[in-house]
Amino acid sequence: MATTTAQEADLSGALVQAMHVLQDLYAETSRPLGLTPQQAHLLCVLLAGPLGMTELSRILSIERSSLTSMVDRLERRDLVARIPHPTDRRACHINLTPAGLSLADEAHDAFTTRIEALTANLSPTARRTLTTTLLAVFSPS
């Protein structure tokens, strides 16, 4: 059985706490926009461009059936559109509509503004160190 050092426990605890704080911020910033946190996340992911359902399911860590329901709701609100896949008739990509793009930008800006406020007391050196560390931890190797 592996033992956990105090430093490892501190790191794990800090990352778990950060996850909870960020999830709460996401919920707080998406609610006034009439979105669930999951819907806001999906719209923000699509800011990078259209994606297929399989890729979205993987990125959002949700089952395809749940994703289909979410896309259906967002499509009824004219925030996303299904566009045919260029080479696979059975598949489609999900794309932001103009209204969806506007709301995704608003959601992203609201979230990043809250993060900036949360981290405003960090020195420039601490910000660089935190950024470098998080990128090292979460970048695919």
C-alpha atoms as a PDB file:
ATOM      1  CA  MET A   1       0.000   0.000   0.000  1.00  0.00           C
ATOM      2  CA  ALA A   2       1.415   3.368  -1.026  1.00  0.00           C
ATOM      3  CA  THR A   3       1.819   5.996   1.612  1.00  0.00           C
ATOM      4  CA  THR A   4       0.909   9.606   0.984  1.00  0.00           C
ATOM      5  CA  THR A   5       3.213  12.298   2.216  1.00  0.00           C
ATOM      6  CA  ALA A   6       1.873  15.482   3.771  1.00  0.00           C
ATOM      7  CA  GLN A   7       3.017  17.431   0.683  1.00  0.00           C
ATOM      8  CA  GLU A   8       1.150  15.079  -1.655  1.00  0.00           C
ATOM      9  CA  ALA A   9      -1.976  15.326   0.508  1.00  0.00           C
ATOM     10  CA  ASP A  10      -1.692  19.133   0.541  1.00  0.00           C
ATOM     11  CA  LEU A  11      -1.395  19.215  -3.262  1.00  0.00           C
ATOM     12  CA  SER A  12      -4.314  16.829  -3.745  1.00  0.00           C
ATOM     13  CA  GLY A  13      -6.425  18.750  -1.274  1.00  0.00           C
ATOM     14  CA  ALA A  14      -5.586  22.088  -2.898  1.00  0.00           C
ATOM     15  CA  LEU A  15      -6.468  20.767  -6.365  1.00  0.00           C
ATOM     16  CA  VAL A  16      -9.758  19.307  -5.122  1.00  0.00           C
ATOM     17  CA  GLN A  17     -10.586  22.592  -3.407  1.00  0.00           C
ATOM     18  CA  ALA A  18      -9.728  24.506  -6.596  1.00  0.00           C
ATOM     19  CA  MET A  19     -11.999  22.203  -8.596  1.00  0.00           C
ATOM     20  CA  HIS A  20     -14.914  22.864  -6.241  1.00  0.00           C
ATOM     21  CA  VAL A  21     -14.346  26.632  -6.262  1.00  0.00           C
ATOM     22  CA  LEU A  22     -14.181  26.693 -10.063  1.00  0.00           C
ATOM     23  CA  GLN A  23     -17.325  24.549 -10.368  1.00  0.00           C
ATOM     24  CA  ASP A  24     -19.145  26.939  -8.031  1.00  0.00           C
ATOM     25  CA  LEU A  25     -17.926  29.939 -10.050  1.00  0.00           C
ATOM     26  CA  TYR A  26     -19.103  28.283 -13.252  1.00  0.00           C
ATOM     27  CA  ALA A  27     -22.548  27.696 -11.740  1.00  0.00           C
ATOM     28  CA  GLU A  28     -22.742  31.269 -10.413  1.00  0.00           C
ATOM     29  CA  THR A  29     -21.767  32.803 -13.749  1.00  0.00           C
ATOM     30  CA  SER A  30     -23.936  30.576 -15.944  1.00  0.00           C
ATOM     31  CA  ARG A  31     -27.170  30.876 -13.938  1.00  0.00           C
ATOM     32  CA  PRO A  32     -27.793  34.590 -14.702  1.00  0.00           C
ATOM     33  CA  LEU A  33     -27.367  33.780 -18.397  1.00  0.00           C
ATOM     34  CA  GLY A  34     -30.157  31.193 -18.272  1.00  0.00           C
ATOM     35  CA  LEU A  35     -27.717  28.305 -18.673  1.00  0.00           C
ATOM     36  CA  THR A  36     -26.788  25.301 -16.611  1.00  0.00           C
ATOM     37  CA  PRO A  37     -23.057  24.981 -15.915  1.00  0.00           C
ATOM     38  CA  GLN A  38     -22.946  22.064 -18.373  1.00  0.00           C
ATOM     39  CA  GLN A  39     -24.642  24.096 -21.103  1.00  0.00           C
ATOM     40  CA  ALA A  40     -22.252  27.003 -20.521  1.00  0.00           C
ATOM     41  CA  HIS A  41     -19.330  24.579 -20.700  1.00  0.00           C
ATOM     42  CA  LEU A  42     -20.581  23.143 -23.996  1.00  0.00           C
ATOM     43  CA  LEU A  43     -21.037  26.610 -25.508  1.00  0.00           C
ATOM     44  CA  CYS A  44     -17.569  27.689 -24.362  1.00  0.00           C
ATOM     45  CA  VAL A  45     -15.982  24.521 -25.789  1.00  0.00           C
ATOM     46  CA  LEU A  46     -17.610  25.323 -29.132  1.00  0.00           C
ATOM     47  CA  LEU A  47     -15.909  28.732 -29.196  1.00  0.00           C
ATOM     48  CA  ALA A  48     -12.936  26.854 -30.682  1.00  0.00           C
ATOM     49  CA  GLY A  49     -15.117  25.670 -33.579  1.00  0.00           C
ATOM     50  CA  PRO A  50     -17.625  22.960 -34.468  1.00  0.00           C
ATOM     51  CA  LEU A  51     -17.123  19.508 -32.967  1.00  0.00           C
ATOM     52  CA  GLY A  52     -18.687  16.114 -33.412  1.00  0.00           C
ATOM     53  CA  MET A  53     -20.827  14.488 -30.759  1.00  0.00           C
ATOM     54  CA  THR A  54     -18.194  11.878 -29.859  1.00  0.00           C
ATOM     55  CA  GLU A  55     -15.549  14.524 -29.279  1.00  0.00           C
ATOM     56  CA  LEU A  56     -17.951  16.707 -27.280  1.00  0.00           C
ATOM     57  CA  SER A  57     -18.967  13.726 -25.173  1.00  0.00           C
ATOM     58  CA  ARG A  58     -15.324  13.044 -24.375  1.00  0.00           C
ATOM     59  CA  ILE A  59     -14.449  16.672 -23.612  1.00  0.00           C
ATOM     60  CA  LEU A  60     -17.513  17.215 -21.409  1.00  0.00           C
ATOM     61  CA  SER A  61     -17.245  13.775 -19.778  1.00  0.00           C
ATOM     62  CA  ILE A  62     -20.905  12.962 -20.319  1.00  0.00           C
ATOM     63  CA  GLU A  63     -22.747  10.127 -22.000  1.00  0.00           C
ATOM     64  CA  ARG A  64     -23.819  10.633 -25.591  1.00  0.00           C
ATOM     65  CA  SER A  65     -27.505  10.333 -24.650  1.00  0.00           C
ATOM     66  CA  SER A  66     -27.153  13.162 -22.120  1.00  0.00           C
ATOM     67  CA  LEU A  67     -25.241  15.223 -24.661  1.00  0.00           C
ATOM     68  CA  THR A  68     -27.941  14.644 -27.275  1.00  0.00           C
ATOM     69  CA  SER A  69     -30.583  15.948 -24.860  1.00  0.00           C
ATOM     70  CA  MET A  70     -28.465  18.985 -24.028  1.00  0.00           C
ATOM     71  CA  VAL A  71     -27.836  19.751 -27.701  1.00  0.00           C
ATOM     72  CA  ASP A  72     -31.576  19.353 -28.404  1.00  0.00           C
ATOM     73  CA  ARG A  73     -32.402  21.942 -25.707  1.00  0.00           C
ATOM     74  CA  LEU A  74     -29.744  24.370 -26.933  1.00  0.00           C
ATOM     75  CA  GLU A  75     -30.863  23.867 -30.526  1.00  0.00           C
ATOM     76  CA  ARG A  76     -34.473  24.715 -29.576  1.00  0.00           C
ATOM     77  CA  ARG A  77     -33.117  27.965 -28.088  1.00  0.00           C
ATOM     78  CA  ASP A  78     -31.269  28.664 -31.367  1.00  0.00           C
ATOM     79  CA  LEU A  79     -27.875  28.602 -29.601  1.00  0.00           C
ATOM     80  CA  VAL A  80     -26.389  25.667 -31.529  1.00  0.00           C
ATOM     81  CA  ALA A  81     -27.042  23.991 -34.853  1.00  0.00           C
ATOM     82  CA  ARG A  82     -26.308  20.540 -36.142  1.00  0.00           C
ATOM     83  CA  ILE A  83     -24.375  20.696 -39.389  1.00  0.00           C
ATOM     84  CA  PRO A  84     -23.812  17.634 -41.589  1.00  0.00           C
ATOM     85  CA  HIS A  85     -20.413  15.994 -41.352  1.00  0.00           C
ATOM     86  CA  PRO A  86     -18.573  16.542 -44.644  1.00  0.00           C
ATOM     87  CA  THR A  87     -17.687  12.870 -45.187  1.00  0.00           C
ATOM     88  CA  ASP A  88     -19.983  10.819 -42.906  1.00  0.00           C
ATOM     89  CA  ARG A  89     -23.716  11.045 -43.625  1.00  0.00           C
ATOM     90  CA  ARG A  90     -24.528   9.495 -40.231  1.00  0.00           C
ATOM     91  CA  ALA A  91     -22.639  12.107 -38.231  1.00  0.00           C
ATOM     92  CA  CYS A  92     -22.972  15.808 -37.598  1.00  0.00           C
ATOM     93  CA  HIS A  93     -20.973  18.584 -36.056  1.00  0.00           C
ATOM     94  CA  ILE A  94     -22.357  20.954 -33.471  1.00  0.00           C
ATOM     95  CA  ASN A  95     -21.814  24.618 -34.254  1.00  0.00           C
ATOM     96  CA  LEU A  96     -22.645  27.826 -32.426  1.00  0.00           C
ATOM     97  CA  THR A  97     -25.315  30.014 -33.997  1.00  0.00           C
ATOM     98  CA  PRO A  98     -24.788  33.781 -33.890  1.00  0.00           C
ATOM     99  CA  ALA A  99     -26.913  33.927 -30.712  1.00  0.00           C
ATOM    100  CA  GLY A 100     -24.938  31.008 -29.270  1.00  0.00           C
ATOM    101  CA  LEU A 101     -21.634  32.668 -30.073  1.00  0.00           C
ATOM    102  CA  SER A 102     -22.739  35.840 -28.314  1.00  0.00           C
ATOM    103  CA  LEU A 103     -23.909  33.919 -25.231  1.00  0.00           C
ATOM    104  CA  ALA A 104     -20.769  31.737 -25.203  1.00  0.00           C
ATOM    105  CA  ASP A 105     -18.608  34.863 -25.284  1.00  0.00           C
ATOM    106  CA  GLU A 106     -20.659  36.344 -22.455  1.00  0.00           C
ATOM    107  CA  ALA A 107     -20.358  33.145 -20.381  1.00  0.00           C
ATOM    108  CA  HIS A 108     -16.613  32.922 -20.999  1.00  0.00           C
ATOM    109  CA  ASP A 109     -16.070  36.576 -20.132  1.00  0.00           C
ATOM    110  CA  ALA A 110     -18.147  36.287 -16.937  1.00  0.00           C
ATOM    111  CA  PHE A 111     -16.191  33.225 -15.815  1.00  0.00           C
ATOM    112  CA  THR A 112     -12.749  34.621 -16.596  1.00  0.00           C
ATOM    113  CA  THR A 113     -13.642  37.922 -14.922  1.00  0.00           C
ATOM    114  CA  ARG A 114     -14.494  36.012 -11.738  1.00  0.00           C
ATOM    115  CA  ILE A 115     -11.225  34.071 -11.941  1.00  0.00           C
ATOM    116  CA  GLU A 116      -9.283  37.309 -12.416  1.00  0.00           C
ATOM    117  CA  ALA A 117     -10.969  38.732  -9.303  1.00  0.00           C
ATOM    118  CA  LEU A 118     -10.219  35.547  -7.375  1.00  0.00           C
ATOM    119  CA  THR A 119      -6.518  35.690  -8.291  1.00  0.00           C
ATOM    120  CA  ALA A 120      -6.066  39.463  -8.198  1.00  0.00           C
ATOM    121  CA  ASN A 121      -3.973  39.315  -5.008  1.00  0.00           C
ATOM    122  CA  LEU A 122      -1.295  37.122  -6.614  1.00  0.00           C
ATOM    123  CA  SER A 123       1.977  38.776  -7.496  1.00  0.00           C
ATOM    124  CA  PRO A 124       3.099  38.637 -11.140  1.00  0.00           C
ATOM    125  CA  THR A 125       5.698  36.004 -10.160  1.00  0.00           C
ATOM    126  CA  ALA A 126       3.094  33.878  -8.366  1.00  0.00           C
ATOM    127  CA  ARG A 127       0.756  34.170 -11.385  1.00  0.00           C
ATOM    128  CA  ARG A 128       3.504  32.993 -13.760  1.00  0.00           C
ATOM    129  CA  THR A 129       4.448  30.121 -11.434  1.00  0.00           C
ATOM    130  CA  LEU A 130       0.833  29.024 -11.034  1.00  0.00           C
ATOM    131  CA  THR A 131       0.216  29.237 -14.776  1.00  0.00           C
ATOM    132  CA  THR A 132       3.354  27.237 -15.603  1.00  0.00           C
ATOM    133  CA  THR A 133       2.549  24.622 -12.973  1.00  0.00           C
ATOM    134  CA  LEU A 134      -1.073  24.169 -14.050  1.00  0.00           C
ATOM    135  CA  LEU A 135      -0.079  23.907 -17.697  1.00  0.00           C
ATOM    136  CA  ALA A 136       2.507  21.260 -16.768  1.00  0.00           C
ATOM    137  CA  VAL A 137      -0.060  19.290 -14.744  1.00  0.00           C
ATOM    138  CA  PHE A 138      -2.923  19.447 -17.223  1.00  0.00           C
ATOM    139  CA  SER A 139      -1.188  19.440 -20.598  1.00  0.00           C
ATOM    140  CA  PRO A 140      -1.261  16.116 -22.398  1.00  0.00           C
ATOM    141  CA  SER A 141       2.135  14.483 -22.399  1.00  0.00           C
END
